[in-house]
Amino acid sequence: MSKVITDELIYEVLSVVEEIPEGKVATYGQIARLIGREKNSRLVGKILSLSGYYGKYPCHRVVNHAGRTAPGFYDQKDRLLAEGVAFLDNGHVDLKHCQWEM
């Protein structure tokens, strides 16, 4: 399976991200599974890093498998907190309570 990033793939990922409700988060791997590319969570991360070129999407609602926020996305935690997303003492999102269940 090719890892080429096409506009079609970008919009496929972003359409899933657009569905994440306020106050919930999804993981990169979760999104990859939803689009049928379960081994491409890093590709999802790369696409989200480019999302600003494609419009406004709630990419702040996507975290890694452990609930860590994206490096360099400095206001991600503040935006999640403003939506009521709970964080654990270690600074990770409380996935047990805040992970989006489709």
C-alpha atoms as a PDB file:
ATOM      1  CA  MET A   1       0.000   0.000   0.000  1.00  0.00           C
ATOM      2  CA  SER A   2       1.418   3.361  -1.017  1.00  0.00           C
ATOM      3  CA  LYS A   3       2.067   6.102   1.522  1.00  0.00           C
ATOM      4  CA  VAL A   4       1.634   8.856  -1.046  1.00  0.00           C
ATOM      5  CA  ILE A   5      -0.395  11.748   0.329  1.00  0.00           C
ATOM      6  CA  THR A   6      -3.109  12.663  -2.154  1.00  0.00           C
ATOM      7  CA  ASP A   7      -5.840  15.270  -1.800  1.00  0.00           C
ATOM      8  CA  GLU A   8      -8.323  12.406  -1.668  1.00  0.00           C
ATOM      9  CA  LEU A   9      -6.508  10.846   1.308  1.00  0.00           C
ATOM     10  CA  ILE A  10      -6.199  14.206   3.036  1.00  0.00           C
ATOM     11  CA  TYR A  11      -9.918  14.873   2.777  1.00  0.00           C
ATOM     12  CA  GLU A  12     -10.690  11.321   3.892  1.00  0.00           C
ATOM     13  CA  VAL A  13      -8.694  11.874   7.094  1.00  0.00           C
ATOM     14  CA  LEU A  14     -10.078  15.365   7.643  1.00  0.00           C
ATOM     15  CA  SER A  15     -13.661  14.187   7.176  1.00  0.00           C
ATOM     16  CA  VAL A  16     -13.152  11.766  10.092  1.00  0.00           C
ATOM     17  CA  VAL A  17     -11.517  14.470  12.228  1.00  0.00           C
ATOM     18  CA  GLU A  18     -14.466  16.732  11.504  1.00  0.00           C
ATOM     19  CA  GLU A  19     -16.773  14.173  13.154  1.00  0.00           C
ATOM     20  CA  ILE A  20     -14.963  14.120  16.521  1.00  0.00           C
ATOM     21  CA  PRO A  21     -17.374  15.802  18.941  1.00  0.00           C
ATOM     22  CA  GLU A  22     -16.386  18.643  21.233  1.00  0.00           C
ATOM     23  CA  GLY A  23     -15.068  17.299  24.529  1.00  0.00           C
ATOM     24  CA  LYS A  24     -13.807  14.051  22.973  1.00  0.00           C
ATOM     25  CA  VAL A  25     -10.520  12.981  21.381  1.00  0.00           C
ATOM     26  CA  ALA A  26      -9.457  10.345  18.884  1.00  0.00           C
ATOM     27  CA  THR A  27      -6.032   8.815  18.364  1.00  0.00           C
ATOM     28  CA  TYR A  28      -4.010   8.789  15.170  1.00  0.00           C
ATOM     29  CA  GLY A  29      -4.349   5.006  15.074  1.00  0.00           C
ATOM     30  CA  GLN A  30      -8.096   5.194  15.545  1.00  0.00           C
ATOM     31  CA  ILE A  31      -8.400   7.502  12.536  1.00  0.00           C
ATOM     32  CA  ALA A  32      -6.091   5.284  10.494  1.00  0.00           C
ATOM     33  CA  ARG A  33      -8.316   2.269  11.257  1.00  0.00           C
ATOM     34  CA  LEU A  34     -11.460   4.204  10.325  1.00  0.00           C
ATOM     35  CA  ILE A  35     -10.091   4.951   6.862  1.00  0.00           C
ATOM     36  CA  GLY A  36      -8.873   1.395   6.327  1.00  0.00           C
ATOM     37  CA  ARG A  37      -5.160   2.130   6.828  1.00  0.00           C
ATOM     38  CA  GLU A  38      -4.620   0.667  10.286  1.00  0.00           C
ATOM     39  CA  LYS A  39      -0.815   0.653   9.958  1.00  0.00           C
ATOM     40  CA  ASN A  40      -0.591   4.300   8.891  1.00  0.00           C
ATOM     41  CA  SER A  41      -1.095   6.311  12.087  1.00  0.00           C
ATOM     42  CA  ARG A  42       2.062   8.339  11.382  1.00  0.00           C
ATOM     43  CA  LEU A  43       0.689   9.194   7.969  1.00  0.00           C
ATOM     44  CA  VAL A  44      -2.443  10.498   9.684  1.00  0.00           C
ATOM     45  CA  GLY A  45      -0.223  12.683  11.878  1.00  0.00           C
ATOM     46  CA  LYS A  46       1.585  14.053   8.843  1.00  0.00           C
ATOM     47  CA  ILE A  47      -1.710  14.853   7.141  1.00  0.00           C
ATOM     48  CA  LEU A  48      -2.976  16.656  10.231  1.00  0.00           C
ATOM     49  CA  SER A  49       0.191  18.749  10.298  1.00  0.00           C
ATOM     50  CA  LEU A  50      -0.802  19.986   6.810  1.00  0.00           C
ATOM     51  CA  SER A  51      -4.486  20.506   7.583  1.00  0.00           C
ATOM     52  CA  GLY A  52      -4.233  24.298   7.791  1.00  0.00           C
ATOM     53  CA  TYR A  53      -3.844  24.392   4.021  1.00  0.00           C
ATOM     54  CA  TYR A  54      -7.248  22.702   3.605  1.00  0.00           C
ATOM     55  CA  GLY A  55      -9.476  24.709   5.938  1.00  0.00           C
ATOM     56  CA  LYS A  56     -10.407  24.704   9.594  1.00  0.00           C
ATOM     57  CA  TYR A  57     -10.665  21.292  11.218  1.00  0.00           C
ATOM     58  CA  PRO A  58     -10.632  20.310  14.918  1.00  0.00           C
ATOM     59  CA  CYS A  59      -7.210  18.651  14.687  1.00  0.00           C
ATOM     60  CA  HIS A  60      -6.574  19.593  18.324  1.00  0.00           C
ATOM     61  CA  ARG A  61      -8.906  16.686  19.167  1.00  0.00           C
ATOM     62  CA  VAL A  62      -6.375  14.106  17.954  1.00  0.00           C
ATOM     63  CA  VAL A  63      -3.725  12.702  20.291  1.00  0.00           C
ATOM     64  CA  ASN A  64      -1.360   9.739  20.258  1.00  0.00           C
ATOM     65  CA  HIS A  65      -2.184   6.266  21.591  1.00  0.00           C
ATOM     66  CA  ALA A  66      -1.094   7.232  25.109  1.00  0.00           C
ATOM     67  CA  GLY A  67      -3.086  10.476  25.158  1.00  0.00           C
ATOM     68  CA  ARG A  68      -0.091  12.748  24.583  1.00  0.00           C
ATOM     69  CA  THR A  69      -0.623  15.975  22.679  1.00  0.00           C
ATOM     70  CA  ALA A  70       1.309  16.787  19.526  1.00  0.00           C
ATOM     71  CA  PRO A  71       4.828  18.208  19.932  1.00  0.00           C
ATOM     72  CA  GLY A  72       4.921  21.837  18.860  1.00  0.00           C
ATOM     73  CA  PHE A  73       1.115  22.256  19.007  1.00  0.00           C
ATOM     74  CA  TYR A  74       1.419  24.666  21.902  1.00  0.00           C
ATOM     75  CA  ASP A  75      -2.239  25.558  22.447  1.00  0.00           C
ATOM     76  CA  GLN A  76      -3.608  22.042  21.921  1.00  0.00           C
ATOM     77  CA  LYS A  77      -3.930  21.288  25.637  1.00  0.00           C
ATOM     78  CA  ASP A  78      -5.570  24.649  26.362  1.00  0.00           C
ATOM     79  CA  ARG A  79      -8.084  24.112  23.556  1.00  0.00           C
ATOM     80  CA  LEU A  80      -8.918  20.631  24.836  1.00  0.00           C
ATOM     81  CA  LEU A  81      -9.282  21.873  28.415  1.00  0.00           C
ATOM     82  CA  ALA A  82     -11.643  24.604  27.180  1.00  0.00           C
ATOM     83  CA  GLU A  83     -13.822  21.844  25.690  1.00  0.00           C
ATOM     84  CA  GLY A  84     -13.887  19.914  28.968  1.00  0.00           C
ATOM     85  CA  VAL A  85     -11.378  17.194  28.061  1.00  0.00           C
ATOM     86  CA  ALA A  86      -9.877  15.708  31.229  1.00  0.00           C
ATOM     87  CA  PHE A  87      -6.141  15.259  31.690  1.00  0.00           C
ATOM     88  CA  LEU A  88      -4.327  12.869  33.996  1.00  0.00           C
ATOM     89  CA  ASP A  89      -1.630  13.949  36.462  1.00  0.00           C
ATOM     90  CA  ASN A  90       1.045  12.952  33.915  1.00  0.00           C
ATOM     91  CA  GLY A  91      -0.272  15.548  31.429  1.00  0.00           C
ATOM     92  CA  HIS A  92      -1.876  13.009  29.081  1.00  0.00           C
ATOM     93  CA  VAL A  93      -5.515  13.068  28.030  1.00  0.00           C
ATOM     94  CA  ASP A  94      -7.692  10.738  30.093  1.00  0.00           C
ATOM     95  CA  LEU A  95      -8.540   8.413  27.212  1.00  0.00           C
ATOM     96  CA  LYS A  96     -10.653   6.197  29.450  1.00  0.00           C
ATOM     97  CA  HIS A  97     -13.172   9.023  29.836  1.00  0.00           C
ATOM     98  CA  CYS A  98     -12.582  11.235  26.812  1.00  0.00           C
ATOM     99  CA  GLN A  99     -11.864   8.958  23.866  1.00  0.00           C
ATOM    100  CA  TRP A 100     -14.421   9.199  21.087  1.00  0.00           C
ATOM    101  CA  GLU A 101     -16.378   6.007  20.580  1.00  0.00           C
ATOM    102  CA  MET A 102     -17.777   5.988  17.073  1.00  0.00           C
END
